[in-house]
Protein backbone atom coordinates (compact mmCIF):
# COMPACT_ATOMS: atom_id res chain seq x y z
CA MET A 1 -2.69 -26.26 -9.44
CA THR A 2 0.98 -25.28 -9.45
CA ILE A 3 1.92 -22.64 -11.99
CA PRO A 4 5.21 -23.41 -13.79
CA VAL A 5 8.06 -21.10 -12.80
CA LEU A 6 8.63 -20.05 -16.39
CA ASP A 7 5.00 -18.97 -16.73
CA ILE A 8 5.20 -16.99 -13.47
CA GLU A 9 8.30 -15.14 -14.62
CA ARG A 10 6.76 -14.41 -18.00
CA ALA A 11 3.61 -13.10 -16.31
CA ARG A 12 5.72 -10.92 -13.99
CA PHE A 13 7.67 -9.53 -16.95
CA ASN A 14 4.46 -8.79 -18.85
CA MET A 15 2.96 -7.07 -15.79
CA ILE A 16 5.95 -4.73 -15.57
CA GLU A 17 6.29 -4.04 -19.29
CA GLN A 18 2.62 -3.93 -20.34
CA GLN A 19 0.87 -2.51 -17.26
CA ILE A 20 3.34 -0.64 -15.11
CA ARG A 21 5.87 0.98 -17.44
CA PRO A 22 3.13 2.42 -19.71
CA TRP A 23 1.52 3.97 -16.62
CA GLU A 24 4.42 6.43 -16.27
CA VAL A 25 6.47 4.28 -13.90
CA LEU A 26 9.96 4.72 -15.32
CA ASP A 27 12.11 4.63 -12.18
CA GLN A 28 14.30 1.60 -12.82
CA SER A 29 14.79 0.94 -9.11
CA VAL A 30 11.01 0.58 -8.71
CA LEU A 31 10.75 -1.71 -11.73
CA ASP A 32 13.61 -3.83 -10.37
CA LEU A 33 11.87 -3.99 -6.99
CA LEU A 34 8.65 -5.24 -8.55
CA ALA A 35 10.64 -7.95 -10.31
CA ALA A 36 12.41 -8.97 -7.10
CA VAL A 37 9.56 -9.03 -4.53
CA LYS A 38 7.41 -12.01 -5.42
CA ARG A 39 3.84 -10.72 -5.62
CA GLU A 40 2.40 -14.22 -6.00
CA GLU A 41 3.71 -15.08 -2.51
CA PHE A 42 1.27 -12.56 -0.99
CA VAL A 43 -1.89 -13.51 -2.90
CA PRO A 44 -4.48 -15.83 -1.29
CA ALA A 45 -4.08 -19.32 -2.77
CA ALA A 46 -7.51 -19.23 -4.43
CA TYR A 47 -6.49 -16.14 -6.45
CA ARG A 48 -2.88 -16.96 -7.24
CA ASN A 49 -3.62 -17.07 -10.97
CA LEU A 50 -4.66 -13.39 -10.71
CA ALA A 51 -1.41 -12.25 -9.10
CA PHE A 52 -0.20 -10.32 -12.17
CA VAL A 53 -3.53 -9.22 -13.64
CA ASP A 54 -4.38 -5.51 -13.96
CA MET A 55 -7.03 -5.57 -11.22
CA GLU A 56 -7.58 -5.48 -7.48
CA VAL A 57 -7.25 -8.99 -6.02
CA PRO A 58 -9.83 -9.90 -3.33
CA LEU A 59 -8.33 -10.80 0.02
CA ASN A 60 -10.79 -13.55 0.87
CA LEU A 61 -9.41 -16.08 3.34
CA ASP A 62 -10.76 -19.55 4.05
CA GLY A 63 -13.75 -18.85 1.85
CA ALA A 64 -14.76 -15.75 3.82
CA GLU A 65 -14.85 -12.22 2.43
CA THR A 66 -12.83 -9.55 4.24
CA GLY A 67 -13.94 -6.58 2.16
CA GLU A 68 -10.28 -5.76 1.46
CA CYS A 69 -8.11 -6.28 -1.58
CA MET A 70 -4.61 -5.97 -2.98
CA LEU A 71 -4.34 -2.81 -5.02
CA ALA A 72 -3.75 -3.14 -8.76
CA PRO A 73 -0.02 -3.55 -9.57
CA LYS A 74 0.23 -0.27 -11.49
CA VAL A 75 -1.28 1.65 -8.55
CA GLU A 76 1.24 0.14 -6.13
CA ALA A 77 4.03 1.00 -8.54
CA ARG A 78 2.98 4.65 -8.91
CA VAL A 79 2.78 4.98 -5.13
CA LEU A 80 6.29 3.59 -4.72
CA GLN A 81 7.73 5.84 -7.41
CA SER A 82 6.17 8.95 -5.91
CA LEU A 83 7.57 8.27 -2.43
CA ALA A 84 11.23 8.10 -3.55
CA LEU A 85 12.09 5.85 -0.60
CA ARG A 86 15.49 6.09 1.05
CA PRO A 87 17.41 3.42 3.01
CA ASP A 88 17.11 5.32 6.31
CA ASP A 89 13.34 5.97 6.05
CA LEU A 90 11.01 5.07 8.90
CA VAL A 91 7.66 4.09 7.36
CA LEU A 92 4.08 3.73 8.59
CA GLU A 93 1.47 1.92 6.50
CA ILE A 94 -2.22 1.86 7.39
CA GLY A 95 -3.98 -1.17 5.94
CA SER A 96 -1.64 -4.17 5.74
CA GLY A 97 -3.87 -6.36 3.59
CA SER A 98 -1.72 -9.25 2.41
CA GLY A 99 1.54 -7.57 3.46
CA TYR A 100 2.71 -7.04 -0.12
CA MET A 101 2.93 -3.25 -0.03
CA ALA A 102 4.69 -3.46 3.33
CA ALA A 103 7.18 -5.85 1.73
CA LEU A 104 7.86 -3.42 -1.13
CA LEU A 105 8.32 -0.61 1.38
CA GLY A 106 10.52 -2.76 3.61
CA ALA A 107 12.76 -3.71 0.71
CA LYS A 108 13.79 -0.05 0.30
CA ALA A 109 13.35 1.50 3.78
CA ARG A 110 15.00 0.99 7.16
CA GLU A 111 11.90 -0.04 9.10
CA VAL A 112 8.17 -0.39 8.40
CA THR A 113 5.23 -0.55 10.79
CA THR A 114 2.07 -1.74 9.07
CA VAL A 115 -1.33 -1.68 10.81
CA GLU A 116 -4.27 -3.97 10.05
CA SER A 117 -7.72 -3.90 11.67
CA ASN A 118 -8.81 -7.38 10.52
CA PRO A 119 -7.21 -10.06 12.76
CA LYS A 120 -7.26 -12.70 10.00
CA LEU A 121 -5.52 -10.37 7.57
CA GLN A 122 -3.07 -9.32 10.25
CA ALA A 123 -2.06 -12.95 10.71
CA PHE A 124 -1.98 -13.52 6.92
CA ALA A 125 0.27 -10.50 6.35
CA GLN A 126 2.55 -11.46 9.22
CA HIS A 127 2.92 -14.99 7.86
CA ASN A 128 3.66 -13.77 4.33
CA LEU A 129 6.26 -11.26 5.48
CA GLN A 130 8.04 -13.70 7.79
CA ARG A 131 8.01 -16.46 5.18
CA ASN A 132 9.62 -14.10 2.67
CA GLY A 133 12.29 -12.80 5.04
CA PHE A 134 11.10 -9.23 5.74
CA SER A 135 12.40 -8.95 9.30
CA ASN A 136 12.33 -5.13 9.24
CA VAL A 137 8.51 -5.04 8.89
CA GLN A 138 6.33 -5.14 12.01
CA VAL A 139 2.62 -5.95 11.66
CA GLN A 140 0.38 -4.47 14.34
CA GLY A 141 -3.34 -4.99 14.88
CA GLY A 142 -5.75 -2.12 15.37
CA ASP A 143 -7.81 0.62 13.77
CA GLY A 144 -5.40 3.07 12.18
CA ALA A 145 -7.90 4.98 10.05
CA ARG A 146 -7.61 8.09 12.25
CA GLY A 147 -3.94 7.84 13.16
CA TRP A 148 -1.49 5.49 14.83
CA ASN A 149 1.21 5.76 17.51
CA THR A 150 0.93 9.52 17.81
CA ASN A 151 4.21 9.79 19.72
CA GLN A 152 6.20 8.66 16.67
CA ALA A 153 7.14 10.71 13.62
CA TYR A 154 7.69 9.05 10.24
CA ASP A 155 9.59 9.81 7.04
CA VAL A 156 6.90 8.10 4.98
CA ILE A 157 3.22 7.30 5.59
CA VAL A 158 1.16 5.19 3.19
CA ILE A 159 -2.61 4.88 3.59
CA SER A 160 -3.39 1.69 1.65
CA GLY A 161 -7.15 2.22 1.56
CA GLY A 162 -9.67 4.93 0.90
CA LEU A 163 -10.49 7.85 3.18
CA PRO A 164 -13.30 10.41 2.78
CA PHE A 165 -10.85 13.01 4.10
CA LEU A 166 -7.32 12.92 5.47
CA PRO A 167 -7.13 13.31 9.27
CA ASP A 168 -4.76 16.10 10.27
CA LEU A 169 -3.04 13.76 12.71
CA PHE A 170 -1.28 11.98 9.86
CA LEU A 171 0.19 15.25 8.60
CA GLN A 172 1.47 16.09 12.05
CA GLN A 173 3.26 12.73 12.22
CA LEU A 174 5.38 13.50 9.15
CA LYS A 175 8.99 14.42 9.78
CA PRO A 176 10.44 17.45 7.95
CA HIS A 177 10.50 16.57 4.24
CA GLY A 178 8.35 13.52 5.03
CA ARG A 179 6.05 12.15 2.32
CA LEU A 180 2.54 10.75 2.57
CA VAL A 181 0.37 9.02 -0.04
CA ALA A 182 -3.36 8.54 0.52
CA PHE A 183 -6.49 7.82 -1.52
CA VAL A 184 -8.98 10.53 -0.61
CA GLY A 185 -12.51 11.28 -1.75
CA THR A 186 -16.13 10.22 -1.94
CA GLY A 187 -18.42 9.25 -4.76
CA SER A 188 -17.18 7.38 -7.81
CA VAL A 189 -13.65 8.84 -7.92
CA MET A 190 -10.85 9.31 -5.40
CA ASN A 191 -7.60 11.21 -5.78
CA ALA A 192 -4.31 9.54 -5.03
CA VAL A 193 -2.46 12.41 -3.36
CA LEU A 194 1.18 12.91 -2.47
CA ILE A 195 1.76 15.29 0.44
CA THR A 196 5.26 16.48 1.39
CA ARG A 197 6.00 18.36 4.59
CA THR A 198 7.91 21.48 3.58
CA GLY A 199 7.88 23.31 6.92
CA ASP A 200 6.52 23.27 10.45
CA LYS A 201 3.01 24.11 9.22
CA SER A 202 3.40 23.96 5.46
CA PHE A 203 2.73 21.07 3.09
CA ASP A 204 2.99 20.57 -0.66
CA ASN A 205 0.07 18.67 -2.22
CA VAL A 206 0.15 16.90 -5.59
CA VAL A 207 -2.64 14.82 -7.14
CA LEU A 208 -0.93 11.79 -8.68
CA PHE A 209 -3.92 10.22 -10.43
CA GLU A 210 -7.61 9.42 -10.06
CA THR A 211 -8.75 5.99 -8.95
CA ARG A 212 -11.19 4.18 -6.71
CA VAL A 213 -10.17 1.83 -3.88
CA PRO A 214 -12.13 0.27 -0.99
CA TYR A 215 -12.38 2.43 2.13
CA LEU A 216 -10.41 1.53 5.21
CA HIS A 217 -12.45 -0.16 7.91
CA ASN A 218 -14.22 2.51 10.00
CA ALA A 219 -13.42 5.17 7.39
CA GLU A 220 -16.51 4.86 5.23
CA PRO A 221 -18.15 8.25 4.62
CA VAL A 222 -21.22 9.03 6.71
CA SER A 223 -24.35 10.02 4.81
CA GLY A 224 -24.81 13.77 4.96
CA PHE A 225 -21.24 14.44 6.12
CA ARG A 226 -20.03 17.91 5.19
CA PHE A 227 -16.44 18.48 4.06
């Protein structure tokens, strides 16, 4: 069923005004970005009517579960606001999913590399990004849960899935003043953390909010693991 354009735009407006703005997202450039990048274009067809709902959207393709999801809109918005993206930023994302977060990042940054371990989702994200004109976003396949392209430093790193702990390698890949957002923890609650590199071996850590998101593939905590 095709959703009328007017209804889509009303739903997008309500998402921004009723979900995102009340969740302390007040940066107008972020709100404008969420209005401009068409979220519904990145949602699997079977879930298109959930594109603007305050929930994680399953990324099931061709009737098969992938175990991954699109993060709730307000979570994506808080992540974007905290990163304060700049036009010259080089960005790494781990966990492409549908490609939507990579699109939001690519709309504000110079270049984005996004990594996806599931081949079907890699192809889905690539298709969505190309179809919507994001030529500055490169989708790569592989397991990035413990790091990616260690010879490259980034201004921004986004881990779009849960981790039981944050591998030190990601911190070492941040440029001076680089920013990283990750969802870290075990049990029923994770912390969304913002880490900023303030010196060669010094980092500033801020807990943005508590949440719970699916773990990245190969990042699930091992029973009895000690932190």
